[in-house]
Amino acid sequence: MTSPPAIGAAALPPDRSGDAPPRLGRALVRTGATLLAFLAACGLVLWFARDSDAAAAAAMLSPVTILACLALSLCNYLLRGARWVVLGRAFGVAAPARAQVLYFFAGFALTVTPGKVGEVVRLWLLHRHHGVPYTRSMPLLAGDRIMDMVAICLLALAGAALTSQYLAVTAVLAVVCVALLAALTHAGLLLHLVDWAERRVRRAPGLFARAREVCATLPAIGRPAVLWPALGLSLLGWLAECLVLMLVLHALGTAMGLGGSMLVFCLSAVAGAVSLMPGGLGAADFSLLGLLRLVEVPEAAAIVTTILVRLATLWFAVVLGFLALPFALRRK
């Protein structure tokens, strides 16, 4: 899955509309190399397992199942793109909805690059083509990340409630949800926390100044007219990714209900976000595999499921981003 990045400020390019985003060409090369390495690793795993149950499990996946997984992932991206537009309007981003969705997809091309380059590109495109200042688009980025984390935590809570498993984790996720929702509705509390942190750290005044700017604007999406539609789109989008996991497991003959799929998928997504690795590389993969084994999914099915789910929910987004980026860059 495209693990939600940890909430934080990305390094922005200079405020000159003619400049290219930093390291764009190098980032694209790294993304392509990482994709090839991932595919090569998957190929090696399946090659060495060609006489084992893993190869037999992979053979059970029909083209219809794979296309259904890609369609569900596409639904997730479209719903989150619509949420990007809703949040942008709340922050006063004056750009056509179609263009904003295009920029949102273009950012996926750099999902697995360090430094949040993919997210920077979205803001840079808004600035380049529509003159949106970074001081206005930065809160959009923060709000987008918060909505992702709230939706994932809520789905994990629902999964835990349906399965009656991992109650301690459920309690932690409940606290996270409350804290993130409070961040959207109580800017004063956030500003006090930023001031307290600055007094303790006594460094990076520019970073804390930018944090204050973001905190002051977050209540714009805390209004019910914005919060509930954005949260609804987030929940539907990430639920589609949970359905990908359930669909693959059912195709492999392993029965797992919606609650279990929501819990496993969302916990692995949280692990990928907490790891701070771009796209949750490594952390989300091994977390998903480990959680599947923990709930007694057979090893062969767990391996094949992890590979296909990551291809459908992460690398499919990267491919779509590669297709969208040239159109976003050339847009007049």
Protein backbone atom coordinates (compact mmCIF):
# COMPACT_ATOMS: atom_id res chain seq x y z
CA MET A 1 0.00 0.00 0.00
CA THR A 2 1.02 3.59 -0.39
CA SER A 3 1.69 4.00 3.25
CA PRO A 4 0.69 7.34 4.62
CA PRO A 5 3.86 9.34 5.27
CA ALA A 6 4.57 10.58 8.75
CA ILE A 7 3.16 14.06 9.21
CA GLY A 8 5.83 16.68 8.73
CA ALA A 9 7.10 19.44 6.53
CA ALA A 10 8.87 18.56 3.32
CA ALA A 11 11.71 20.64 1.99
CA LEU A 12 10.25 23.05 -0.52
CA PRO A 13 11.86 24.20 -3.76
CA PRO A 14 12.71 27.87 -4.16
CA ASP A 15 9.77 30.22 -4.66
CA ARG A 16 10.39 30.69 -8.40
CA SER A 17 7.83 29.28 -10.77
CA GLY A 18 10.37 28.58 -13.50
CA ASP A 19 12.61 26.36 -11.36
CA ALA A 20 12.35 22.60 -11.52
CA PRO A 21 11.73 20.71 -8.27
CA PRO A 22 15.00 19.64 -6.63
CA ARG A 23 16.38 16.23 -7.64
CA LEU A 24 13.41 15.45 -9.90
CA GLY A 25 15.43 13.60 -12.57
CA ARG A 26 17.52 11.74 -10.02
CA ALA A 27 14.40 10.83 -8.04
CA LEU A 28 12.74 9.35 -11.12
CA VAL A 29 15.81 7.25 -11.86
CA ARG A 30 15.88 5.99 -8.28
CA THR A 31 12.19 5.17 -8.41
CA GLY A 32 12.63 3.17 -11.62
CA ALA A 33 15.63 1.34 -10.16
CA THR A 34 13.71 0.54 -6.97
CA LEU A 35 10.78 -0.82 -8.98
CA LEU A 36 13.07 -3.02 -11.04
CA ALA A 37 14.78 -4.26 -7.88
CA PHE A 38 11.40 -5.09 -6.30
CA LEU A 39 10.25 -6.97 -9.40
CA ALA A 40 13.56 -8.82 -9.59
CA ALA A 41 13.29 -9.82 -5.93
CA CYS A 42 9.72 -11.05 -6.46
CA GLY A 43 10.85 -12.98 -9.52
CA LEU A 44 13.67 -14.63 -7.59
CA VAL A 45 11.36 -15.58 -4.74
CA LEU A 46 8.90 -17.20 -7.12
CA TRP A 47 11.71 -18.84 -9.11
CA PHE A 48 13.24 -20.51 -6.07
CA ALA A 49 9.74 -21.46 -4.92
CA ARG A 50 8.68 -22.86 -8.29
CA ASP A 51 8.48 -26.40 -6.89
CA SER A 52 6.83 -25.31 -3.64
CA ASP A 53 3.37 -24.34 -2.47
CA ALA A 54 4.11 -20.64 -3.17
CA ALA A 55 4.31 -21.27 -6.91
CA ALA A 56 1.09 -23.28 -6.79
CA ALA A 57 -0.58 -20.46 -4.88
CA ALA A 58 0.57 -17.87 -7.42
CA ALA A 59 -0.86 -20.00 -10.21
CA MET A 60 -4.29 -19.80 -8.53
CA LEU A 61 -4.52 -16.06 -9.22
CA SER A 62 -6.56 -15.42 -12.33
CA PRO A 63 -6.26 -12.31 -14.54
CA VAL A 64 -9.75 -11.33 -13.37
CA THR A 65 -8.55 -11.28 -9.74
CA ILE A 66 -5.52 -9.17 -10.61
CA LEU A 67 -7.61 -6.70 -12.62
CA ALA A 68 -10.11 -6.46 -9.76
CA CYS A 69 -7.28 -5.64 -7.35
CA LEU A 70 -5.99 -2.90 -9.66
CA ALA A 71 -9.51 -1.50 -10.07
CA LEU A 72 -9.95 -1.30 -6.28
CA SER A 73 -6.61 0.44 -5.92
CA LEU A 74 -7.58 2.90 -8.66
CA CYS A 75 -10.77 3.66 -6.73
CA ASN A 76 -8.62 4.46 -3.70
CA TYR A 77 -6.46 6.90 -5.67
CA LEU A 78 -9.47 8.60 -7.28
CA LEU A 79 -11.26 9.01 -3.95
CA ARG A 80 -8.15 10.44 -2.31
CA GLY A 81 -7.67 12.72 -5.32
CA ALA A 82 -11.20 14.01 -4.80
CA ARG A 83 -10.36 14.57 -1.15
CA TRP A 84 -7.28 16.56 -2.23
CA VAL A 85 -9.62 18.85 -4.18
CA VAL A 86 -12.01 19.21 -1.20
CA LEU A 87 -9.16 20.14 1.13
CA GLY A 88 -7.63 22.47 -1.45
CA ARG A 89 -10.86 24.42 -1.74
CA ALA A 90 -11.02 24.70 2.06
CA PHE A 91 -7.56 26.29 2.04
CA GLY A 92 -8.38 28.60 -0.85
CA VAL A 93 -6.30 26.82 -3.53
CA ALA A 94 -7.54 28.34 -6.78
CA ALA A 95 -6.94 25.61 -9.37
CA PRO A 96 -9.35 23.53 -11.49
CA ALA A 97 -10.38 20.25 -9.91
CA ARG A 98 -9.16 18.24 -12.91
CA ALA A 99 -5.72 19.84 -12.68
CA GLN A 100 -5.47 19.18 -8.94
CA VAL A 101 -6.30 15.49 -9.42
CA LEU A 102 -3.67 15.30 -12.18
CA TYR A 103 -1.04 16.78 -9.87
CA PHE A 104 -2.10 14.40 -7.12
CA PHE A 105 -1.52 11.42 -9.40
CA ALA A 106 1.77 12.86 -10.67
CA GLY A 107 3.10 12.88 -7.12
CA PHE A 108 2.76 9.09 -6.99
CA ALA A 109 5.67 8.81 -9.43
CA LEU A 110 8.03 9.74 -6.58
CA THR A 111 6.34 7.87 -3.75
CA VAL A 112 9.36 5.72 -2.95
CA THR A 113 11.94 8.51 -3.02
CA PRO A 114 13.36 9.98 0.20
CA GLY A 115 12.67 13.54 1.26
CA LYS A 116 8.94 13.48 0.35
CA VAL A 117 9.82 14.59 -3.18
CA GLY A 118 6.49 13.34 -4.54
CA GLU A 119 4.56 15.59 -2.19
CA VAL A 120 6.83 18.54 -2.95
CA VAL A 121 6.13 18.06 -6.68
CA ARG A 122 2.38 18.41 -6.06
CA LEU A 123 2.89 21.72 -4.31
CA TRP A 124 5.41 22.85 -6.91
CA LEU A 125 2.97 22.11 -9.75
CA LEU A 126 0.29 24.17 -8.03
CA HIS A 127 2.77 27.00 -7.70
CA ARG A 128 4.16 26.70 -11.23
CA HIS A 129 0.89 26.49 -13.12
CA HIS A 130 -1.50 28.42 -10.87
CA GLY A 131 0.67 30.67 -8.72
CA VAL A 132 -0.44 29.05 -5.46
CA PRO A 133 2.07 30.17 -2.77
CA TYR A 134 3.67 27.48 -0.65
CA THR A 135 2.36 29.14 2.51
CA ARG A 136 -1.14 28.27 1.27
CA SER A 137 -0.44 24.78 -0.08
CA MET A 138 1.65 23.50 2.84
CA PRO A 139 -1.44 23.19 5.12
CA LEU A 140 -3.08 21.19 2.31
CA LEU A 141 -0.24 18.69 2.53
CA ALA A 142 -0.52 18.45 6.33
CA GLY A 143 -4.30 18.07 6.20
CA ASP A 144 -4.00 15.35 3.58
CA ARG A 145 -1.62 13.37 5.77
CA ILE A 146 -3.80 13.78 8.86
CA MET A 147 -6.87 12.56 6.99
CA ASP A 148 -4.97 9.48 5.83
CA MET A 149 -3.86 8.60 9.34
CA VAL A 150 -7.30 9.21 10.87
CA ALA A 151 -8.98 7.00 8.25
CA ILE A 152 -6.45 4.18 8.62
CA CYS A 153 -6.67 4.26 12.42
CA LEU A 154 -10.48 4.25 12.31
CA LEU A 155 -10.52 1.28 9.93
CA ALA A 156 -8.07 -0.57 12.16
CA LEU A 157 -10.33 0.18 15.13
CA ALA A 158 -13.31 -1.20 13.23
CA GLY A 159 -11.32 -4.30 12.28
CA ALA A 160 -10.26 -4.86 15.89
CA ALA A 161 -13.85 -4.47 17.06
CA LEU A 162 -15.10 -6.97 14.47
CA THR A 163 -12.42 -9.55 15.30
CA SER A 164 -11.97 -8.87 19.05
CA GLN A 165 -8.20 -9.02 18.59
CA TYR A 166 -5.30 -6.77 19.59
CA LEU A 167 -7.23 -4.74 22.16
CA ALA A 168 -4.08 -2.96 23.39
CA VAL A 169 -3.31 -1.81 19.86
CA THR A 170 -6.93 -0.72 19.55
CA ALA A 171 -6.59 1.52 22.60
CA VAL A 172 -3.46 3.16 21.18
CA LEU A 173 -5.16 3.76 17.83
CA ALA A 174 -8.15 5.32 19.61
CA VAL A 175 -5.82 7.81 21.30
CA VAL A 176 -4.18 8.58 17.94
CA CYS A 177 -7.55 9.24 16.32
CA VAL A 178 -8.61 11.59 19.11
CA ALA A 179 -5.28 13.45 18.93
CA LEU A 180 -5.41 13.88 15.15
CA LEU A 181 -9.02 15.06 15.16
CA ALA A 182 -8.18 17.48 17.97
CA ALA A 183 -5.41 18.87 15.77
CA LEU A 184 -8.04 19.84 13.19
CA THR A 185 -10.39 21.54 15.64
CA HIS A 186 -8.14 23.05 18.34
CA ALA A 187 -5.45 25.17 16.73
CA GLY A 188 -4.75 26.94 20.02
CA LEU A 189 -3.70 23.70 21.69
CA LEU A 190 -1.41 22.86 18.79
CA LEU A 191 0.19 26.30 18.91
CA HIS A 192 0.86 25.89 22.63
CA LEU A 193 2.51 22.52 21.95
CA VAL A 194 4.69 24.07 19.23
CA ASP A 195 5.73 26.89 21.58
CA TRP A 196 6.54 24.37 24.31
CA ALA A 197 8.63 22.27 21.91
CA GLU A 198 10.53 25.32 20.66
CA ARG A 199 11.41 26.36 24.20
CA ARG A 200 12.80 22.89 24.86
CA VAL A 201 14.66 22.44 21.56
CA ARG A 202 15.90 26.04 21.10
CA ARG A 203 16.88 25.34 17.50
CA ALA A 204 15.44 25.60 13.98
CA PRO A 205 13.28 28.71 14.48
CA GLY A 206 12.29 28.65 10.81
CA LEU A 207 10.86 25.15 11.14
CA PHE A 208 8.80 26.13 14.17
CA ALA A 209 7.57 29.27 12.39
CA ARG A 210 6.35 27.13 9.49
CA ALA A 211 4.71 24.74 11.96
CA ARG A 212 2.80 27.67 13.48
CA GLU A 213 1.57 28.72 10.05
CA VAL A 214 0.29 25.21 9.36
CA CYS A 215 -1.36 24.91 12.79
CA ALA A 216 -3.12 28.24 12.35
CA THR A 217 -4.74 27.13 9.09
CA LEU A 218 -5.69 23.53 9.97
CA PRO A 219 -9.07 24.53 11.51
CA ALA A 220 -10.15 25.40 7.96
CA ILE A 221 -10.71 21.67 7.43
CA GLY A 222 -12.03 21.10 10.94
CA ARG A 223 -15.38 22.58 9.93
CA PRO A 224 -18.11 19.91 9.50
CA ALA A 225 -18.77 20.96 5.90
CA VAL A 226 -15.17 20.02 5.04
CA LEU A 227 -14.21 17.44 7.66
CA TRP A 228 -16.99 14.93 7.08
CA PRO A 229 -16.79 14.76 3.26
CA ALA A 230 -13.00 14.54 3.40
CA LEU A 231 -13.09 11.86 6.08
CA GLY A 232 -15.76 9.92 4.19
CA LEU A 233 -13.64 9.91 1.02
CA SER A 234 -10.63 8.81 3.06
CA LEU A 235 -12.48 5.92 4.67
CA LEU A 236 -13.88 4.68 1.36
CA GLY A 237 -10.49 4.97 -0.33
CA TRP A 238 -8.57 2.99 2.26
CA LEU A 239 -11.41 0.50 2.61
CA ALA A 240 -10.89 -0.30 -1.08
CA GLU A 241 -7.27 -1.21 -0.28
CA CYS A 242 -8.44 -3.49 2.54
CA LEU A 243 -10.75 -5.20 0.05
CA VAL A 244 -7.71 -5.88 -2.16
CA LEU A 245 -6.18 -7.92 0.66
CA MET A 246 -9.42 -9.80 1.32
CA LEU A 247 -9.92 -10.51 -2.40
CA VAL A 248 -6.43 -11.97 -2.83
CA LEU A 249 -6.74 -14.16 0.25
CA HIS A 250 -10.10 -15.50 -0.90
CA ALA A 251 -8.66 -16.21 -4.36
CA LEU A 252 -5.93 -18.26 -2.68
CA GLY A 253 -8.47 -20.26 -0.70
CA THR A 254 -7.79 -18.57 2.64
CA ALA A 255 -10.92 -17.32 4.36
CA MET A 256 -10.47 -13.94 6.04
CA GLY A 257 -13.37 -11.66 6.77
CA LEU A 258 -13.55 -7.93 6.20
CA GLY A 259 -12.71 -7.18 9.82
CA GLY A 260 -9.52 -9.22 9.74
CA SER A 261 -8.48 -7.73 6.41
CA MET A 262 -9.03 -4.20 7.72
CA LEU A 263 -7.01 -4.87 10.86
CA VAL A 264 -4.07 -6.56 9.10
CA PHE A 265 -3.85 -4.10 6.22
CA CYS A 266 -4.17 -0.97 8.36
CA LEU A 267 -1.68 -2.12 11.00
CA SER A 268 0.88 -2.83 8.28
CA ALA A 269 0.16 0.62 6.79
CA VAL A 270 0.75 2.23 10.18
CA ALA A 271 4.02 0.30 10.51
CA GLY A 272 5.12 1.61 7.12
CA ALA A 273 4.27 5.19 8.11
CA VAL A 274 6.02 4.97 11.49
CA SER A 275 9.16 3.57 9.85
CA LEU A 276 9.57 6.87 7.91
CA MET A 277 10.71 4.82 4.92
CA PRO A 278 9.49 6.19 1.57
CA GLY A 279 6.35 4.30 0.60
CA GLY A 280 6.82 2.18 3.72
CA LEU A 281 9.38 0.09 1.81
CA GLY A 282 10.46 -2.92 3.80
CA ALA A 283 8.52 -2.05 6.94
CA ALA A 284 5.05 -2.36 5.40
CA ASP A 285 6.06 -5.44 3.38
CA PHE A 286 7.45 -7.40 6.33
CA SER A 287 4.68 -6.17 8.64
CA LEU A 288 2.04 -7.41 6.22
CA LEU A 289 3.79 -10.76 5.82
CA GLY A 290 4.30 -11.11 9.58
CA LEU A 291 0.71 -10.21 10.46
CA LEU A 292 -0.63 -12.68 7.89
CA ARG A 293 1.46 -15.42 9.43
CA LEU A 294 0.38 -14.30 12.91
CA VAL A 295 -3.27 -14.85 12.01
CA GLU A 296 -2.34 -18.29 10.69
CA VAL A 297 -2.41 -17.66 6.96
CA PRO A 298 -0.32 -20.44 5.34
CA GLU A 299 3.22 -19.37 4.48
CA ALA A 300 2.84 -19.82 0.72
CA ALA A 301 -0.41 -17.81 0.62
CA ALA A 302 1.10 -15.11 2.86
CA ILE A 303 4.10 -14.66 0.56
CA VAL A 304 2.04 -14.46 -2.63
CA THR A 305 -0.52 -12.19 -0.98
CA THR A 306 2.17 -9.77 0.23
CA ILE A 307 3.72 -9.55 -3.24
CA LEU A 308 0.44 -8.98 -5.07
CA VAL A 309 -0.98 -6.54 -2.51
CA ARG A 310 2.17 -4.43 -2.60
CA LEU A 311 2.20 -4.48 -6.40
CA ALA A 312 -1.44 -3.43 -6.55
CA THR A 313 -1.46 -0.83 -3.75
CA LEU A 314 2.02 0.71 -4.05
CA TRP A 315 3.71 0.04 -7.36
CA PHE A 316 0.55 0.44 -9.41
CA ALA A 317 0.34 3.98 -8.02
CA VAL A 318 3.97 4.61 -9.01
CA VAL A 319 3.24 3.48 -12.58
CA LEU A 320 0.18 5.74 -12.75
CA GLY A 321 2.34 8.57 -11.45
CA PHE A 322 4.91 8.00 -14.20
CA LEU A 323 2.10 8.20 -16.76
CA ALA A 324 0.59 11.36 -15.25
CA LEU A 325 3.79 13.31 -14.55
CA PRO A 326 4.63 14.28 -18.16
CA PHE A 327 1.11 15.67 -18.67
CA ALA A 328 1.33 17.57 -15.40
CA LEU A 329 4.69 19.08 -16.31
CA ARG A 330 3.54 20.15 -19.79
CA ARG A 331 0.21 21.58 -18.68
CA LYS A 332 -0.17 25.26 -19.63
